[in-house]
Amino acid sequence: MSVTSIWIMIIGVSIVSILPRILPVALFSRFEFPAPLKRWLSFVAPAVLSSLTALSVLAPDGAIDISVQNKYIWAFIPTLLVAIKTKSLFYSLLVGIASMALLYNFI
């Protein structure tokens, strides 16, 4: 491959990656949405994040594993409790990382 074709590929991939992010903002920023739709849309991001988290915790290897051997569940429990108690992303991440480190190194 030539250097020119590599640059064309990089630029093409960049455009394809950024268009789905820019176009909705450019198109819909001019409109005022009704309050019920805004409220409904406010739940989309937490729902997507929750589903990704549940998938990562309950099926880390592609199959659902709700057993005592699933380290992700054991790390998730204290992380969730800290997140509920403190509502702090920093402390939640700290507890989650520390929990996983302890589980991988000592159990």
PDB file of N, CA and C in Angstrom:
ATOM      1  N   MET A   1       0.838  -1.190   0.000  1.00  0.00           N
ATOM      2  CA  MET A   1       0.000   0.000   0.000  1.00  0.00           C
ATOM      3  C   MET A   1       0.874   1.241   0.000  1.00  0.00           C
ATOM      4  N   SER A   2       0.409   2.190  -0.737  1.00  0.00           N
ATOM      5  CA  SER A   2       1.171   3.430  -0.786  1.00  0.00           C
ATOM      6  C   SER A   2       0.750   4.346   0.362  1.00  0.00           C
ATOM      7  N   VAL A   3       1.570   5.318   0.618  1.00  0.00           N
ATOM      8  CA  VAL A   3       1.299   6.280   1.686  1.00  0.00           C
ATOM      9  C   VAL A   3       0.020   7.058   1.379  1.00  0.00           C
ATOM     10  N   THR A   4      -0.196   7.371   0.102  1.00  0.00           N
ATOM     11  CA  THR A   4      -1.392   8.119  -0.293  1.00  0.00           C
ATOM     12  C   THR A   4      -2.654   7.331   0.003  1.00  0.00           C
ATOM     13  N   SER A   5      -2.664   6.041  -0.316  1.00  0.00           N
ATOM     14  CA  SER A   5      -3.863   5.232  -0.072  1.00  0.00           C
ATOM     15  C   SER A   5      -4.125   5.059   1.423  1.00  0.00           C
ATOM     16  N   ILE A   6      -3.081   5.009   2.209  1.00  0.00           N
ATOM     17  CA  ILE A   6      -3.260   4.918   3.664  1.00  0.00           C
ATOM     18  C   ILE A   6      -3.900   6.198   4.185  1.00  0.00           C
ATOM     19  N   TRP A   7      -3.438   7.359   3.696  1.00  0.00           N
ATOM     20  CA  TRP A   7      -4.034   8.632   4.132  1.00  0.00           C
ATOM     21  C   TRP A   7      -5.485   8.745   3.686  1.00  0.00           C
ATOM     22  N   ILE A   8      -5.784   8.277   2.486  1.00  0.00           N
ATOM     23  CA  ILE A   8      -7.172   8.294   2.007  1.00  0.00           C
ATOM     24  C   ILE A   8      -8.044   7.412   2.882  1.00  0.00           C
ATOM     25  N   MET A   9      -7.535   6.254   3.293  1.00  0.00           N
ATOM     26  CA  MET A   9      -8.288   5.357   4.180  1.00  0.00           C
ATOM     27  C   MET A   9      -8.506   6.001   5.544  1.00  0.00           C
ATOM     28  N   ILE A  10      -7.491   6.646   6.077  1.00  0.00           N
ATOM     29  CA  ILE A  10      -7.616   7.298   7.385  1.00  0.00           C
ATOM     30  C   ILE A  10      -8.655   8.410   7.319  1.00  0.00           C
ATOM     31  N   ILE A  11      -8.601   9.222   6.283  1.00  0.00           N
ATOM     32  CA  ILE A  11      -9.570  10.314   6.134  1.00  0.00           C
ATOM     33  C   ILE A  11     -10.975   9.756   5.934  1.00  0.00           C
ATOM     34  N   GLY A  12     -11.103   8.711   5.123  1.00  0.00           N
ATOM     35  CA  GLY A  12     -12.411   8.096   4.885  1.00  0.00           C
ATOM     36  C   GLY A  12     -13.014   7.519   6.151  1.00  0.00           C
ATOM     37  N   VAL A  13     -12.222   6.798   6.902  1.00  0.00           N
ATOM     38  CA  VAL A  13     -12.705   6.221   8.159  1.00  0.00           C
ATOM     39  C   VAL A  13     -13.073   7.324   9.147  1.00  0.00           C
ATOM     40  N   SER A  14     -12.309   8.395   9.173  1.00  0.00           N
ATOM     41  CA  SER A  14     -12.617   9.523  10.058  1.00  0.00           C
ATOM     42  C   SER A  14     -13.960  10.146   9.708  1.00  0.00           C
ATOM     43  N   ILE A  15     -14.194  10.336   8.417  1.00  0.00           N
ATOM     44  CA  ILE A  15     -15.462  10.925   7.975  1.00  0.00           C
ATOM     45  C   ILE A  15     -16.629  10.001   8.313  1.00  0.00           C
ATOM     46  N   VAL A  16     -16.479   8.724   8.031  1.00  0.00           N
ATOM     47  CA  VAL A  16     -17.543   7.766   8.326  1.00  0.00           C
ATOM     48  C   VAL A  16     -17.801   7.674   9.828  1.00  0.00           C
ATOM     49  N   SER A  17     -16.783   7.853  10.624  1.00  0.00           N
ATOM     50  CA  SER A  17     -16.939   7.789  12.078  1.00  0.00           C
ATOM     51  C   SER A  17     -17.591   9.041  12.651  1.00  0.00           C
ATOM     52  N   ILE A  18     -17.266  10.199  12.099  1.00  0.00           N
ATOM     53  CA  ILE A  18     -17.763  11.444  12.682  1.00  0.00           C
ATOM     54  C   ILE A  18     -19.145  11.836  12.164  1.00  0.00           C
ATOM     55  N   LEU A  19     -19.517  11.429  10.970  1.00  0.00           N
ATOM     56  CA  LEU A  19     -20.819  11.813  10.410  1.00  0.00           C
ATOM     57  C   LEU A  19     -22.006  11.386  11.271  1.00  0.00           C
ATOM     58  N   PRO A  20     -22.058  10.145  11.765  1.00  0.00           N
ATOM     59  CA  PRO A  20     -23.213   9.774  12.602  1.00  0.00           C
ATOM     60  C   PRO A  20     -23.281  10.553  13.923  1.00  0.00           C
ATOM     61  N   ARG A  21     -22.197  11.148  14.322  1.00  0.00           N
ATOM     62  CA  ARG A  21     -22.193  11.942  15.554  1.00  0.00           C
ATOM     63  C   ARG A  21     -22.581  13.388  15.297  1.00  0.00           C
ATOM     64  N   ILE A  22     -22.176  13.922  14.171  1.00  0.00           N
ATOM     65  CA  ILE A  22     -22.409  15.332  13.858  1.00  0.00           C
ATOM     66  C   ILE A  22     -23.783  15.560  13.233  1.00  0.00           C
ATOM     67  N   LEU A  23     -24.203  14.687  12.327  1.00  0.00           N
ATOM     68  CA  LEU A  23     -25.448  14.915  11.606  1.00  0.00           C
ATOM     69  C   LEU A  23     -26.677  15.051  12.509  1.00  0.00           C
ATOM     70  N   PRO A  24     -26.895  14.163  13.479  1.00  0.00           N
ATOM     71  CA  PRO A  24     -28.079  14.340  14.331  1.00  0.00           C
ATOM     72  C   PRO A  24     -28.067  15.672  15.085  1.00  0.00           C
ATOM     73  N   VAL A  25     -26.907  16.065  15.564  1.00  0.00           N
ATOM     74  CA  VAL A  25     -26.815  17.345  16.277  1.00  0.00           C
ATOM     75  C   VAL A  25     -27.113  18.491  15.324  1.00  0.00           C
ATOM     76  N   ALA A  26     -26.557  18.435  14.133  1.00  0.00           N
ATOM     77  CA  ALA A  26     -26.772  19.507  13.159  1.00  0.00           C
ATOM     78  C   ALA A  26     -28.228  19.574  12.708  1.00  0.00           C
ATOM     79  N   LEU A  27     -28.863  18.429  12.550  1.00  0.00           N
ATOM     80  CA  LEU A  27     -30.238  18.413  12.058  1.00  0.00           C
ATOM     81  C   LEU A  27     -31.268  18.734  13.134  1.00  0.00           C
ATOM     82  N   PHE A  28     -31.092  18.190  14.329  1.00  0.00           N
ATOM     83  CA  PHE A  28     -32.134  18.300  15.355  1.00  0.00           C
ATOM     84  C   PHE A  28     -31.915  19.423  16.359  1.00  0.00           C
ATOM     85  N   SER A  29     -30.795  20.128  16.286  1.00  0.00           N
ATOM     86  CA  SER A  29     -30.561  21.205  17.249  1.00  0.00           C
ATOM     87  C   SER A  29     -31.471  22.407  17.000  1.00  0.00           C
ATOM     88  N   ARG A  30     -32.055  22.475  15.829  1.00  0.00           N
ATOM     89  CA  ARG A  30     -32.932  23.601  15.499  1.00  0.00           C
ATOM     90  C   ARG A  30     -34.355  23.412  16.020  1.00  0.00           C
ATOM     91  N   PHE A  31     -34.704  22.199  16.395  1.00  0.00           N
ATOM     92  CA  PHE A  31     -36.074  21.888  16.802  1.00  0.00           C
ATOM     93  C   PHE A  31     -36.224  21.896  18.308  1.00  0.00           C
ATOM     94  N   GLU A  32     -37.385  22.252  18.773  1.00  0.00           N
ATOM     95  CA  GLU A  32     -37.740  22.165  20.197  1.00  0.00           C
ATOM     96  C   GLU A  32     -38.678  20.963  20.355  1.00  0.00           C
ATOM     97  N   PHE A  33     -38.241  19.997  21.124  1.00  0.00           N
ATOM     98  CA  PHE A  33     -39.031  18.780  21.294  1.00  0.00           C
ATOM     99  C   PHE A  33     -40.027  18.936  22.435  1.00  0.00           C
ATOM    100  N   PRO A  34     -41.150  18.226  22.370  1.00  0.00           N
ATOM    101  CA  PRO A  34     -42.129  18.271  23.462  1.00  0.00           C
ATOM    102  C   PRO A  34     -41.530  17.699  24.756  1.00  0.00           C
ATOM    103  N   ALA A  35     -42.049  18.157  25.879  1.00  0.00           N
ATOM    104  CA  ALA A  35     -41.531  17.737  27.189  1.00  0.00           C
ATOM    105  C   ALA A  35     -41.600  16.224  27.392  1.00  0.00           C
ATOM    106  N   PRO A  36     -42.701  15.531  27.016  1.00  0.00           N
ATOM    107  CA  PRO A  36     -42.710  14.074  27.207  1.00  0.00           C
ATOM    108  C   PRO A  36     -41.609  13.355  26.420  1.00  0.00           C
ATOM    109  N   LEU A  37     -41.320  13.841  25.218  1.00  0.00           N
ATOM    110  CA  LEU A  37     -40.248  13.225  24.431  1.00  0.00           C
ATOM    111  C   LEU A  37     -38.888  13.490  25.059  1.00  0.00           C
ATOM    112  N   LYS A  38     -38.663  14.693  25.547  1.00  0.00           N
ATOM    113  CA  LYS A  38     -37.404  15.004  26.249  1.00  0.00           C
ATOM    114  C   LYS A  38     -37.228  14.110  27.472  1.00  0.00           C
ATOM    115  N   ARG A  39     -38.318  13.943  28.212  1.00  0.00           N
ATOM    116  CA  ARG A  39     -38.260  13.088  29.415  1.00  0.00           C
ATOM    117  C   ARG A  39     -37.928  11.650  29.018  1.00  0.00           C
ATOM    118  N   TRP A  40     -38.589  11.162  27.978  1.00  0.00           N
ATOM    119  CA  TRP A  40     -38.344   9.796  27.525  1.00  0.00           C
ATOM    120  C   TRP A  40     -36.892   9.645  27.056  1.00  0.00           C
ATOM    121  N   LEU A  41     -36.404  10.607  26.301  1.00  0.00           N
ATOM    122  CA  LEU A  41     -35.022  10.547  25.812  1.00  0.00           C
ATOM    123  C   LEU A  41     -34.002  10.619  26.941  1.00  0.00           C
ATOM    124  N   SER A  42     -34.363  11.230  28.056  1.00  0.00           N
ATOM    125  CA  SER A  42     -33.429  11.318  29.179  1.00  0.00           C
ATOM    126  C   SER A  42     -33.139   9.955  29.796  1.00  0.00           C
ATOM    127  N   PHE A  43     -33.991   8.967  29.519  1.00  0.00           N
ATOM    128  CA  PHE A  43     -33.782   7.627  30.059  1.00  0.00           C
ATOM    129  C   PHE A  43     -32.971   6.729  29.137  1.00  0.00           C
ATOM    130  N   VAL A  44     -32.706   7.171  27.918  1.00  0.00           N
ATOM    131  CA  VAL A  44     -32.027   6.310  26.947  1.00  0.00           C
ATOM    132  C   VAL A  44     -30.588   6.015  27.376  1.00  0.00           C
ATOM    133  N   ALA A  45     -29.815   7.029  27.717  1.00  0.00           N
ATOM    134  CA  ALA A  45     -28.410   6.809  28.088  1.00  0.00           C
ATOM    135  C   ALA A  45     -28.260   5.915  29.327  1.00  0.00           C
ATOM    136  N   PRO A  46     -29.019   6.165  30.423  1.00  0.00           N
ATOM    137  CA  PRO A  46     -28.896   5.251  31.558  1.00  0.00           C
ATOM    138  C   PRO A  46     -29.324   3.821  31.231  1.00  0.00           C
ATOM    139  N   ALA A  47     -30.327   3.670  30.376  1.00  0.00           N
ATOM    140  CA  ALA A  47     -30.777   2.323  30.006  1.00  0.00           C
ATOM    141  C   ALA A  47     -29.707   1.587  29.212  1.00  0.00           C
ATOM    142  N   VAL A  48     -29.070   2.268  28.278  1.00  0.00           N
ATOM    143  CA  VAL A  48     -28.005   1.648  27.479  1.00  0.00           C
ATOM    144  C   VAL A  48     -26.817   1.297  28.371  1.00  0.00           C
ATOM    145  N   LEU A  49     -26.425   2.219  29.251  1.00  0.00           N
ATOM    146  CA  LEU A  49     -25.315   1.953  30.165  1.00  0.00           C
ATOM    147  C   LEU A  49     -25.634   0.777  31.095  1.00  0.00           C
ATOM    148  N   SER A  50     -26.861   0.717  31.587  1.00  0.00           N
ATOM    149  CA  SER A  50     -27.262  -0.388  32.464  1.00  0.00           C
ATOM    150  C   SER A  50     -27.225  -1.720  31.730  1.00  0.00           C
ATOM    151  N   SER A  51     -27.688  -1.743  30.500  1.00  0.00           N
ATOM    152  CA  SER A  51     -27.680  -3.004  29.751  1.00  0.00           C
ATOM    153  C   SER A  51     -26.254  -3.462  29.456  1.00  0.00           C
ATOM    154  N   LEU A  52     -25.381  -2.531  29.130  1.00  0.00           N
ATOM    155  CA  LEU A  52     -23.978  -2.904  28.893  1.00  0.00           C
ATOM    156  C   LEU A  52     -23.306  -3.397  30.166  1.00  0.00           C
ATOM    157  N   THR A  53     -23.626  -2.740  31.285  1.00  0.00           N
ATOM    158  CA  THR A  53     -23.067  -3.172  32.568  1.00  0.00           C
ATOM    159  C   THR A  53     -23.565  -4.551  32.941  1.00  0.00           C
ATOM    160  N   ALA A  54     -24.878  -4.779  32.788  1.00  0.00           N
ATOM    161  CA  ALA A  54     -25.452  -6.092  33.124  1.00  0.00           C
ATOM    162  C   ALA A  54     -24.830  -7.190  32.267  1.00  0.00           C
ATOM    163  N   LEU A  55     -24.653  -6.912  30.996  1.00  0.00           N
ATOM    164  CA  LEU A  55     -24.044  -7.895  30.102  1.00  0.00           C
ATOM    165  C   LEU A  55     -22.605  -8.198  30.520  1.00  0.00           C
ATOM    166  N   SER A  56     -21.859  -7.172  30.885  1.00  0.00           N
ATOM    167  CA  SER A  56     -20.465  -7.368  31.291  1.00  0.00           C
ATOM    168  C   SER A  56     -20.346  -8.114  32.606  1.00  0.00           C
ATOM    169  N   VAL A  57     -21.277  -7.888  33.511  1.00  0.00           N
ATOM    170  CA  VAL A  57     -21.204  -8.515  34.832  1.00  0.00           C
ATOM    171  C   VAL A  57     -21.759  -9.936  34.803  1.00  0.00           C
ATOM    172  N   LEU A  58     -22.895 -10.124  34.155  1.00  0.00           N
ATOM    173  CA  LEU A  58     -23.573 -11.419  34.206  1.00  0.00           C
ATOM    174  C   LEU A  58     -23.121 -12.400  33.127  1.00  0.00           C
ATOM    175  N   ALA A  59     -22.553 -11.897  32.046  1.00  0.00           N
ATOM    176  CA  ALA A  59     -22.100 -12.783  30.967  1.00  0.00           C
ATOM    177  C   ALA A  59     -20.715 -12.357  30.485  1.00  0.00           C
ATOM    178  N   PRO A  60     -19.711 -12.433  31.347  1.00  0.00           N
ATOM    179  CA  PRO A  60     -18.385 -11.944  30.948  1.00  0.00           C
ATOM    180  C   PRO A  60     -17.733 -12.764  29.833  1.00  0.00           C
ATOM    181  N   ASP A  61     -18.099 -14.033  29.714  1.00  0.00           N
ATOM    182  CA  ASP A  61     -17.485 -14.891  28.686  1.00  0.00           C
ATOM    183  C   ASP A  61     -18.452 -15.222  27.558  1.00  0.00           C
ATOM    184  N   GLY A  62     -19.550 -14.473  27.463  1.00  0.00           N
ATOM    185  CA  GLY A  62     -20.505 -14.695  26.392  1.00  0.00           C
ATOM    186  C   GLY A  62     -21.700 -15.539  26.786  1.00  0.00           C
ATOM    187  N   ALA A  63     -21.628 -16.217  27.912  1.00  0.00           N
ATOM    188  CA  ALA A  63     -22.745 -17.017  28.414  1.00  0.00           C
ATOM    189  C   ALA A  63     -23.071 -16.536  29.821  1.00  0.00           C
ATOM    190  N   ILE A  64     -24.341 -16.525  30.146  1.00  0.00           N
ATOM    191  CA  ILE A  64     -24.751 -16.045  31.471  1.00  0.00           C
ATOM    192  C   ILE A  64     -24.145 -16.930  32.548  1.00  0.00           C
ATOM    193  N   ASP A  65     -23.503 -16.284  33.508  1.00  0.00           N
ATOM    194  CA  ASP A  65     -22.837 -16.990  34.604  1.00  0.00           C
ATOM    195  C   ASP A  65     -23.229 -16.336  35.923  1.00  0.00           C
ATOM    196  N   ILE A  66     -24.286 -16.865  36.528  1.00  0.00           N
ATOM    197  CA  ILE A  66     -24.712 -16.365  37.837  1.00  0.00           C
ATOM    198  C   ILE A  66     -24.303 -17.428  38.855  1.00  0.00           C
ATOM    199  N   SER A  67     -23.039 -17.418  39.180  1.00  0.00           N
ATOM    200  CA  SER A  67     -22.507 -18.396  40.124  1.00  0.00           C
ATOM    201  C   SER A  67     -21.555 -17.705  41.086  1.00  0.00           C
ATOM    202  N   VAL A  68     -21.143 -18.444  42.082  1.00  0.00           N
ATOM    203  CA  VAL A  68     -20.222 -17.918  43.084  1.00  0.00           C
ATOM    204  C   VAL A  68     -18.840 -17.675  42.473  1.00  0.00           C
ATOM    205  N   GLN A  69     -18.512 -18.380  41.408  1.00  0.00           N
ATOM    206  CA  GLN A  69     -17.201 -18.235  40.779  1.00  0.00           C
ATOM    207  C   GLN A  69     -17.080 -16.980  39.907  1.00  0.00           C
ATOM    208  N   ASN A  70     -18.183 -16.313  39.610  1.00  0.00           N
ATOM    209  CA  ASN A  70     -18.158 -15.114  38.768  1.00  0.00           C
ATOM    210  C   ASN A  70     -17.615 -13.935  39.584  1.00  0.00           C
ATOM    211  N   LYS A  71     -16.358 -13.590  39.309  1.00  0.00           N
ATOM    212  CA  LYS A  71     -15.695 -12.520  40.059  1.00  0.00           C
ATOM    213  C   LYS A  71     -16.317 -11.155  39.784  1.00  0.00           C
ATOM    214  N   TYR A  72     -16.889 -10.999  38.612  1.00  0.00           N
ATOM    215  CA  TYR A  72     -17.473  -9.710  38.243  1.00  0.00           C
ATOM    216  C   TYR A  72     -18.668  -9.360  39.123  1.00  0.00           C
ATOM    217  N   ILE A  73     -19.445 -10.367  39.496  1.00  0.00           N
ATOM    218  CA  ILE A  73     -20.579 -10.116  40.396  1.00  0.00           C
ATOM    219  C   ILE A  73     -20.069  -9.667  41.765  1.00  0.00           C
ATOM    220  N   TRP A  74     -19.028 -10.333  42.239  1.00  0.00           N
ATOM    221  CA  TRP A  74     -18.479  -9.980  43.555  1.00  0.00           C
ATOM    222  C   TRP A  74     -17.866  -8.579  43.554  1.00  0.00           C
ATOM    223  N   ALA A  75     -17.294  -8.167  42.457  1.00  0.00           N
ATOM    224  CA  ALA A  75     -16.755  -6.808  42.371  1.00  0.00           C
ATOM    225  C   ALA A  75     -17.871  -5.785  42.181  1.00  0.00           C
ATOM    226  N   PHE A  76     -18.952  -6.192  41.531  1.00  0.00           N
ATOM    227  CA  PHE A  76     -20.067  -5.284  41.254  1.00  0.00           C
ATOM    228  C   PHE A  76     -20.823  -4.906  42.528  1.00  0.00           C
ATOM    229  N   ILE A  77     -20.940  -5.821  43.464  1.00  0.00           N
ATOM    230  CA  ILE A  77     -21.739  -5.573  44.679  1.00  0.00           C
ATOM    231  C   ILE A  77     -21.193  -4.396  45.487  1.00  0.00           C
ATOM    232  N   PRO A  78     -19.923  -4.395  45.908  1.00  0.00           N
ATOM    233  CA  PRO A  78     -19.441  -3.223  46.661  1.00  0.00           C
ATOM    234  C   PRO A  78     -19.412  -1.945  45.816  1.00  0.00           C
ATOM    235  N   THR A  79     -19.157  -2.090  44.516  1.00  0.00           N
ATOM    236  CA  THR A  79     -19.143  -0.920  43.641  1.00  0.00           C
ATOM    237  C   THR A  79     -20.525  -0.288  43.576  1.00  0.00           C
ATOM    238  N   LEU A  80     -21.552  -1.100  43.433  1.00  0.00           N
ATOM    239  CA  LEU A  80     -22.927  -0.593  43.393  1.00  0.00           C
ATOM    240  C   LEU A  80     -23.305   0.073  44.708  1.00  0.00           C
ATOM    241  N   LEU A  81     -22.931  -0.543  45.818  1.00  0.00           N
ATOM    242  CA  LEU A  81     -23.248   0.043  47.121  1.00  0.00           C
ATOM    243  C   LEU A  81     -22.572   1.400  47.307  1.00  0.00           C
ATOM    244  N   VAL A  82     -21.323   1.505  46.905  1.00  0.00           N
ATOM    245  CA  VAL A  82     -20.609   2.787  47.010  1.00  0.00           C
ATOM    246  C   VAL A  82     -21.235   3.817  46.070  1.00  0.00           C
ATOM    247  N   ALA A  83     -21.624   3.391  44.878  1.00  0.00           N
ATOM    248  CA  ALA A  83     -22.248   4.317  43.925  1.00  0.00           C
ATOM    249  C   ALA A  83     -23.568   4.848  44.471  1.00  0.00           C
ATOM    250  N   ILE A  84     -24.362   3.983  45.081  1.00  0.00           N
ATOM    251  CA  ILE A  84     -25.649   4.411  45.653  1.00  0.00           C
ATOM    252  C   ILE A  84     -25.421   5.341  46.831  1.00  0.00           C
ATOM    253  N   LYS A  85     -24.458   4.995  47.673  1.00  0.00           N
ATOM    254  CA  LYS A  85     -24.212   5.779  48.888  1.00  0.00           C
ATOM    255  C   LYS A  85     -23.594   7.145  48.584  1.00  0.00           C
ATOM    256  N   THR A  86     -22.561   7.167  47.743  1.00  0.00           N
ATOM    257  CA  THR A  86     -21.813   8.419  47.536  1.00  0.00           C
ATOM    258  C   THR A  86     -22.255   9.197  46.302  1.00  0.00           C
ATOM    259  N   LYS A  87     -22.841   8.496  45.315  1.00  0.00           N
ATOM    260  CA  LYS A  87     -23.198   9.112  44.031  1.00  0.00           C
ATOM    261  C   LYS A  87     -21.975   9.787  43.389  1.00  0.00           C
ATOM    262  N   SER A  88     -20.818   9.203  43.603  1.00  0.00           N
ATOM    263  CA  SER A  88     -19.563   9.749  43.086  1.00  0.00           C
ATOM    264  C   SER A  88     -18.950   8.758  42.101  1.00  0.00           C
ATOM    265  N   LEU A  89     -18.697   9.224  40.890  1.00  0.00           N
ATOM    266  CA  LEU A  89     -18.065   8.384  39.886  1.00  0.00           C
ATOM    267  C   LEU A  89     -16.652   8.004  40.316  1.00  0.00           C
ATOM    268  N   PHE A  90     -15.942   8.939  40.923  1.00  0.00           N
ATOM    269  CA  PHE A  90     -14.567   8.679  41.350  1.00  0.00           C
ATOM    270  C   PHE A  90     -14.514   7.534  42.362  1.00  0.00           C
ATOM    271  N   TYR A  91     -15.325   7.615  43.410  1.00  0.00           N
ATOM    272  CA  TYR A  91     -15.309   6.571  44.438  1.00  0.00           C
ATOM    273  C   TYR A  91     -15.812   5.239  43.893  1.00  0.00           C
ATOM    274  N   SER A  92     -16.790   5.282  43.006  1.00  0.00           N
ATOM    275  CA  SER A  92     -17.294   4.053  42.401  1.00  0.00           C
ATOM    276  C   SER A  92     -16.208   3.367  41.582  1.00  0.00           C
ATOM    277  N   LEU A  93     -15.502   4.144  40.767  1.00  0.00           N
ATOM    278  CA  LEU A  93     -14.411   3.575  39.984  1.00  0.00           C
ATOM    279  C   LEU A  93     -13.296   3.047  40.877  1.00  0.00           C
ATOM    280  N   LEU A  94     -12.990   3.795  41.910  1.00  0.00           N
ATOM    281  CA  LEU A  94     -11.942   3.385  42.833  1.00  0.00           C
ATOM    282  C   LEU A  94     -12.282   2.043  43.487  1.00  0.00           C
ATOM    283  N   VAL A  95     -13.499   1.911  43.979  1.00  0.00           N
ATOM    284  CA  VAL A  95     -13.920   0.663  44.625  1.00  0.00           C
ATOM    285  C   VAL A  95     -13.995  -0.470  43.609  1.00  0.00           C
ATOM    286  N   GLY A  96     -14.497  -0.193  42.404  1.00  0.00           N
ATOM    287  CA  GLY A  96     -14.580  -1.229  41.380  1.00  0.00           C
ATOM    288  C   GLY A  96     -13.217  -1.754  40.969  1.00  0.00           C
ATOM    289  N   ILE A  97     -12.284  -0.850  40.743  1.00  0.00           N
ATOM    290  CA  ILE A  97     -10.933  -1.259  40.354  1.00  0.00           C
ATOM    291  C   ILE A  97     -10.242  -1.999  41.494  1.00  0.00           C
ATOM    292  N   ALA A  98     -10.388  -1.486  42.708  1.00  0.00           N
ATOM    293  CA  ALA A  98      -9.775  -2.156  43.866  1.00  0.00           C
ATOM    294  C   ALA A  98     -10.390  -3.540  44.083  1.00  0.00           C
ATOM    295  N   SER A  99     -11.702  -3.654  43.918  1.00  0.00           N
ATOM    296  CA  SER A  99     -12.368  -4.952  44.090  1.00  0.00           C
ATOM    297  C   SER A  99     -11.858  -5.966  43.071  1.00  0.00           C
ATOM    298  N   MET A 100     -11.769  -5.541  41.814  1.00  0.00           N
ATOM    299  CA  MET A 100     -11.284  -6.464  40.793  1.00  0.00           C
ATOM    300  C   MET A 100      -9.823  -6.833  41.040  1.00  0.00           C
ATOM    301  N   ALA A 101      -9.017  -5.865  41.468  1.00  0.00           N
ATOM    302  CA  ALA A 101      -7.605  -6.157  41.739  1.00  0.00           C
ATOM    303  C   ALA A 101      -7.479  -7.173  42.876  1.00  0.00           C
ATOM    304  N   LEU A 102      -8.253  -6.966  43.923  1.00  0.00           N
ATOM    305  CA  LEU A 102      -8.213  -7.927  45.049  1.00  0.00           C
ATOM    306  C   LEU A 102      -8.697  -9.308  44.624  1.00  0.00           C
ATOM    307  N   LEU A 103      -9.781  -9.353  43.866  1.00  0.00           N
ATOM    308  CA  LEU A 103     -10.311 -10.647  43.441  1.00  0.00           C
ATOM    309  C   LEU A 103      -9.368 -11.394  42.503  1.00  0.00           C
ATOM    310  N   TYR A 104      -8.708 -10.675  41.608  1.00  0.00           N
ATOM    311  CA  TYR A 104      -7.791 -11.338  40.681  1.00  0.00           C
ATOM    312  C   TYR A 104      -6.494 -11.766  41.360  1.00  0.00           C
ATOM    313  N   ASN A 105      -6.045 -11.006  42.342  1.00  0.00           N
ATOM    314  CA  ASN A 105      -4.746 -11.311  42.957  1.00  0.00           C
ATOM    315  C   ASN A 105      -4.818 -12.224  44.161  1.00  0.00           C
ATOM    316  N   PHE A 106      -5.948 -12.262  44.860  1.00  0.00           N
ATOM    317  CA  PHE A 106      -6.004 -13.022  46.112  1.00  0.00           C
ATOM    318  C   PHE A 106      -7.024 -14.124  46.118  1.00  0.00           C
ATOM    319  N   ILE A 107      -7.826 -14.233  45.092  1.00  0.00           N
ATOM    320  CA  ILE A 107      -8.840 -15.318  45.085  1.00  0.00           C
ATOM    321  C   ILE A 107      -8.724 -16.099  43.793  1.00  0.00           C
TER     322      ILE A 107
END
